């Protein structure tokens, strides 16, 4: 990629913004997938033999969602280094 005449790394800057966009999209997809996940979980929890198996599946959905949310919320701006999503109003 390009480098400025002052030696700043434009590749790193672009990579950080790609990371932010990837985290944002993953967070949105996990958030939108919550209702279908709950619907499927509820459907399978009504089956007598599967209700004990379905219970442990909740952390398999919530844990990645929490990790992505924390990484998304603590993302720092590549230019100034301040928190991007957790700005104080």
N, C-alpha and C. Protein backbone atom coordinates (compact mmCIF):
# COMPACT_ATOMS: atom_id res chain seq x y z
N UNK A 1 0.83 -1.19 0.00
CA UNK A 1 0.00 0.00 0.00
C UNK A 1 0.88 1.25 0.00
N UNK A 2 0.28 2.36 0.28
CA UNK A 2 0.98 3.64 0.23
C UNK A 2 1.59 3.99 1.58
N UNK A 3 2.65 4.74 1.52
CA UNK A 3 3.25 5.28 2.74
C UNK A 3 3.39 6.78 2.55
N UNK A 4 3.13 7.49 3.62
CA UNK A 4 3.25 8.95 3.50
C UNK A 4 4.71 9.35 3.57
N UNK A 5 4.99 10.59 3.23
CA UNK A 5 6.38 11.05 3.22
C UNK A 5 6.96 11.17 4.64
N UNK A 6 6.12 11.16 5.68
CA UNK A 6 6.61 11.23 7.05
C UNK A 6 6.86 9.86 7.65
N UNK A 7 6.61 8.81 6.90
CA UNK A 7 6.94 7.47 7.37
C UNK A 7 5.84 6.78 8.16
N UNK A 8 4.63 7.34 8.21
CA UNK A 8 3.56 6.65 8.93
C UNK A 8 3.10 5.44 8.13
N UNK A 9 2.66 4.44 8.81
CA UNK A 9 2.32 3.19 8.17
C UNK A 9 0.83 3.19 7.81
N UNK A 10 0.54 3.41 6.55
CA UNK A 10 -0.84 3.44 6.08
C UNK A 10 -1.44 2.04 6.11
N UNK A 11 -0.61 1.02 5.90
CA UNK A 11 -1.09 -0.36 5.96
C UNK A 11 -1.66 -0.69 7.33
N UNK A 12 -0.96 -0.28 8.37
CA UNK A 12 -1.43 -0.53 9.73
C UNK A 12 -2.74 0.21 9.99
N UNK A 13 -2.82 1.45 9.54
CA UNK A 13 -4.03 2.25 9.69
C UNK A 13 -5.22 1.57 9.00
N UNK A 14 -5.03 1.13 7.77
CA UNK A 14 -6.09 0.43 7.05
C UNK A 14 -6.46 -0.89 7.73
N UNK A 15 -5.47 -1.60 8.22
CA UNK A 15 -5.73 -2.87 8.90
C UNK A 15 -6.56 -2.66 10.16
N UNK A 16 -6.29 -1.60 10.89
CA UNK A 16 -7.06 -1.32 12.10
C UNK A 16 -8.52 -1.01 11.76
N UNK A 17 -8.75 -0.25 10.70
CA UNK A 17 -10.12 0.05 10.31
C UNK A 17 -10.83 -1.18 9.76
N UNK A 18 -10.11 -2.06 9.07
CA UNK A 18 -10.71 -3.32 8.62
C UNK A 18 -11.11 -4.17 9.82
N UNK A 19 -10.25 -4.18 10.84
CA UNK A 19 -10.56 -4.91 12.06
C UNK A 19 -11.82 -4.35 12.71
N UNK A 20 -11.94 -3.03 12.76
CA UNK A 20 -13.13 -2.40 13.34
C UNK A 20 -14.38 -2.77 12.55
N UNK A 21 -14.32 -2.70 11.22
CA UNK A 21 -15.48 -3.05 10.41
C UNK A 21 -15.86 -4.52 10.58
N UNK A 22 -14.85 -5.39 10.69
CA UNK A 22 -15.11 -6.81 10.90
C UNK A 22 -15.79 -7.05 12.26
N UNK A 23 -15.29 -6.39 13.31
CA UNK A 23 -15.90 -6.52 14.63
C UNK A 23 -17.32 -5.98 14.63
N UNK A 24 -17.55 -4.85 13.97
CA UNK A 24 -18.88 -4.26 13.91
C UNK A 24 -19.85 -5.20 13.20
N UNK A 25 -19.43 -5.76 12.07
CA UNK A 25 -20.31 -6.66 11.32
C UNK A 25 -20.57 -7.94 12.11
N UNK A 26 -19.57 -8.48 12.77
CA UNK A 26 -19.75 -9.69 13.58
C UNK A 26 -20.72 -9.41 14.72
N UNK A 27 -20.57 -8.25 15.36
CA UNK A 27 -21.46 -7.88 16.46
C UNK A 27 -22.89 -7.75 15.96
N UNK A 28 -23.10 -7.13 14.82
CA UNK A 28 -24.44 -6.97 14.27
C UNK A 28 -25.04 -8.32 13.91
N UNK A 29 -24.26 -9.19 13.29
CA UNK A 29 -24.78 -10.50 12.91
C UNK A 29 -25.12 -11.36 14.13
N UNK A 30 -24.29 -11.29 15.17
CA UNK A 30 -24.60 -12.02 16.39
C UNK A 30 -25.86 -11.46 17.05
N UNK A 31 -26.01 -10.15 17.02
CA UNK A 31 -27.18 -9.52 17.61
C UNK A 31 -28.44 -9.91 16.84
N UNK A 32 -28.38 -9.89 15.50
CA UNK A 32 -29.53 -10.27 14.69
C UNK A 32 -29.84 -11.76 14.79
N UNK A 33 -28.84 -12.56 15.07
CA UNK A 33 -29.03 -13.99 15.20
C UNK A 33 -29.59 -14.41 16.54
N UNK A 34 -29.79 -13.47 17.46
CA UNK A 34 -30.25 -13.82 18.80
C UNK A 34 -31.67 -14.40 18.77
N UNK A 35 -32.60 -13.74 18.10
CA UNK A 35 -33.99 -14.24 18.08
C UNK A 35 -34.11 -15.60 17.39
N UNK A 36 -33.49 -15.81 16.23
CA UNK A 36 -33.56 -17.17 15.67
C UNK A 36 -32.92 -18.21 16.59
N UNK A 37 -31.83 -17.84 17.27
CA UNK A 37 -31.20 -18.78 18.20
C UNK A 37 -32.15 -19.13 19.33
N UNK A 38 -32.83 -18.13 19.90
CA UNK A 38 -33.77 -18.39 21.00
C UNK A 38 -34.94 -19.23 20.51
N UNK A 39 -35.42 -18.95 19.30
CA UNK A 39 -36.54 -19.72 18.76
C UNK A 39 -36.14 -21.19 18.59
N UNK A 40 -34.98 -21.43 18.01
CA UNK A 40 -34.51 -22.80 17.82
C UNK A 40 -34.26 -23.47 19.16
N UNK A 41 -33.66 -22.74 20.10
CA UNK A 41 -33.41 -23.28 21.43
C UNK A 41 -34.71 -23.67 22.12
N UNK A 42 -35.72 -22.79 22.02
CA UNK A 42 -37.01 -23.08 22.64
C UNK A 42 -37.66 -24.30 21.99
N UNK A 43 -37.60 -24.38 20.66
CA UNK A 43 -38.19 -25.51 19.97
C UNK A 43 -37.56 -26.83 20.42
N UNK A 44 -36.24 -26.89 20.48
CA UNK A 44 -35.56 -28.12 20.87
C UNK A 44 -35.66 -28.39 22.37
N UNK A 45 -35.87 -27.36 23.18
CA UNK A 45 -36.01 -27.61 24.61
C UNK A 45 -37.36 -28.25 24.94
N UNK A 46 -38.31 -28.18 24.03
CA UNK A 46 -39.61 -28.81 24.25
C UNK A 46 -39.59 -30.31 23.96
N UNK A 47 -38.59 -30.77 23.24
CA UNK A 47 -38.45 -32.20 22.95
C UNK A 47 -37.94 -32.88 24.22
N UNK A 48 -38.67 -33.91 24.72
CA UNK A 48 -38.31 -34.50 26.02
C UNK A 48 -36.87 -35.00 26.13
N UNK A 49 -36.34 -35.64 25.12
CA UNK A 49 -34.99 -36.21 25.23
C UNK A 49 -33.90 -35.17 25.03
N UNK A 50 -34.22 -34.02 24.43
CA UNK A 50 -33.20 -33.03 24.10
C UNK A 50 -33.11 -31.87 25.08
N UNK A 51 -34.04 -31.75 26.02
CA UNK A 51 -34.04 -30.57 26.88
C UNK A 51 -32.79 -30.47 27.76
N UNK A 52 -32.16 -31.59 28.09
CA UNK A 52 -30.93 -31.53 28.89
C UNK A 52 -29.71 -31.20 28.04
N UNK A 53 -29.79 -31.47 26.76
CA UNK A 53 -28.68 -31.20 25.85
C UNK A 53 -28.68 -29.74 25.41
N UNK A 54 -29.85 -29.14 25.29
CA UNK A 54 -29.99 -27.80 24.73
C UNK A 54 -29.56 -26.73 25.74
N UNK A 55 -29.71 -26.97 27.01
CA UNK A 55 -29.35 -25.98 28.03
C UNK A 55 -27.92 -25.48 27.94
N UNK A 56 -26.93 -26.35 27.80
CA UNK A 56 -25.55 -25.88 27.70
C UNK A 56 -25.22 -25.14 26.40
N UNK A 57 -26.14 -25.10 25.45
CA UNK A 57 -25.87 -24.38 24.21
C UNK A 57 -25.94 -22.87 24.38
N UNK A 58 -26.61 -22.39 25.40
CA UNK A 58 -26.74 -20.94 25.60
C UNK A 58 -25.37 -20.29 25.77
N UNK A 59 -24.48 -20.82 26.62
CA UNK A 59 -23.16 -20.18 26.71
C UNK A 59 -22.37 -20.22 25.40
N UNK A 60 -22.64 -21.20 24.55
CA UNK A 60 -21.95 -21.26 23.26
C UNK A 60 -22.36 -20.11 22.35
N UNK A 61 -23.49 -19.51 22.62
CA UNK A 61 -23.91 -18.33 21.85
C UNK A 61 -23.53 -17.04 22.58
N UNK A 62 -23.74 -17.00 23.87
CA UNK A 62 -23.55 -15.77 24.63
C UNK A 62 -22.06 -15.44 24.80
N UNK A 63 -21.23 -16.42 24.99
CA UNK A 63 -19.80 -16.16 25.22
C UNK A 63 -19.12 -15.49 24.02
N UNK A 64 -19.27 -16.00 22.80
CA UNK A 64 -18.66 -15.28 21.66
C UNK A 64 -19.25 -13.89 21.47
N UNK A 65 -20.55 -13.73 21.75
CA UNK A 65 -21.19 -12.43 21.62
C UNK A 65 -20.56 -11.45 22.62
N UNK A 66 -20.33 -11.89 23.85
CA UNK A 66 -19.72 -11.03 24.85
C UNK A 66 -18.29 -10.66 24.48
N UNK A 67 -17.53 -11.61 23.97
CA UNK A 67 -16.14 -11.34 23.58
C UNK A 67 -16.09 -10.32 22.44
N UNK A 68 -16.93 -10.51 21.43
CA UNK A 68 -16.95 -9.58 20.30
C UNK A 68 -17.43 -8.20 20.76
N UNK A 69 -18.42 -8.16 21.64
CA UNK A 69 -18.93 -6.88 22.12
C UNK A 69 -17.86 -6.12 22.90
N UNK A 70 -17.13 -6.80 23.75
CA UNK A 70 -16.08 -6.15 24.54
C UNK A 70 -14.97 -5.65 23.61
N UNK A 71 -14.56 -6.45 22.65
CA UNK A 71 -13.52 -6.02 21.71
C UNK A 71 -13.98 -4.85 20.85
N UNK A 72 -15.26 -4.86 20.47
CA UNK A 72 -15.82 -3.77 19.67
C UNK A 72 -15.90 -2.48 20.48
N UNK A 73 -16.35 -2.59 21.72
CA UNK A 73 -16.52 -1.40 22.56
C UNK A 73 -15.19 -0.82 23.03
N UNK A 74 -14.14 -1.62 23.10
CA UNK A 74 -12.85 -1.11 23.56
C UNK A 74 -11.89 -0.81 22.42
N UNK A 75 -12.42 -0.75 21.21
CA UNK A 75 -11.59 -0.43 20.04
C UNK A 75 -11.08 1.00 20.16
N UNK A 76 -9.80 1.19 19.90
CA UNK A 76 -9.21 2.53 19.95
C UNK A 76 -9.03 3.07 18.54
N UNK A 77 -9.25 4.36 18.40
CA UNK A 77 -9.09 5.02 17.11
C UNK A 77 -7.63 4.88 16.66
N UNK A 78 -7.40 4.44 15.42
CA UNK A 78 -6.02 4.27 14.95
C UNK A 78 -5.27 5.60 14.84
N UNK A 79 -5.98 6.68 14.67
CA UNK A 79 -5.31 7.96 14.50
C UNK A 79 -4.92 8.59 15.84
N UNK A 80 -5.88 8.68 16.79
CA UNK A 80 -5.59 9.40 18.03
C UNK A 80 -5.40 8.49 19.24
N UNK A 81 -5.83 7.24 19.16
CA UNK A 81 -5.65 6.30 20.26
C UNK A 81 -6.73 6.35 21.32
N UNK A 82 -7.74 7.20 21.15
CA UNK A 82 -8.84 7.26 22.12
C UNK A 82 -9.85 6.16 21.81
N UNK A 83 -10.63 5.82 22.84
CA UNK A 83 -11.67 4.84 22.62
C UNK A 83 -12.65 5.36 21.60
N UNK A 84 -12.98 4.51 20.63
CA UNK A 84 -13.82 4.94 19.53
C UNK A 84 -15.30 4.80 19.85
N UNK A 85 -15.71 3.66 20.39
CA UNK A 85 -17.13 3.40 20.63
C UNK A 85 -17.56 3.80 22.04
N UNK A 86 -16.63 3.97 22.95
CA UNK A 86 -16.99 4.29 24.34
C UNK A 86 -16.69 5.76 24.64
N UNK A 87 -17.08 6.64 23.75
CA UNK A 87 -16.85 8.06 23.98
C UNK A 87 -17.75 8.55 25.12
N UNK A 88 -17.21 9.42 25.93
CA UNK A 88 -18.01 9.99 27.02
C UNK A 88 -18.76 11.19 26.49
N UNK A 89 -20.04 11.21 26.73
CA UNK A 89 -20.87 12.30 26.24
C UNK A 89 -20.94 13.31 27.34
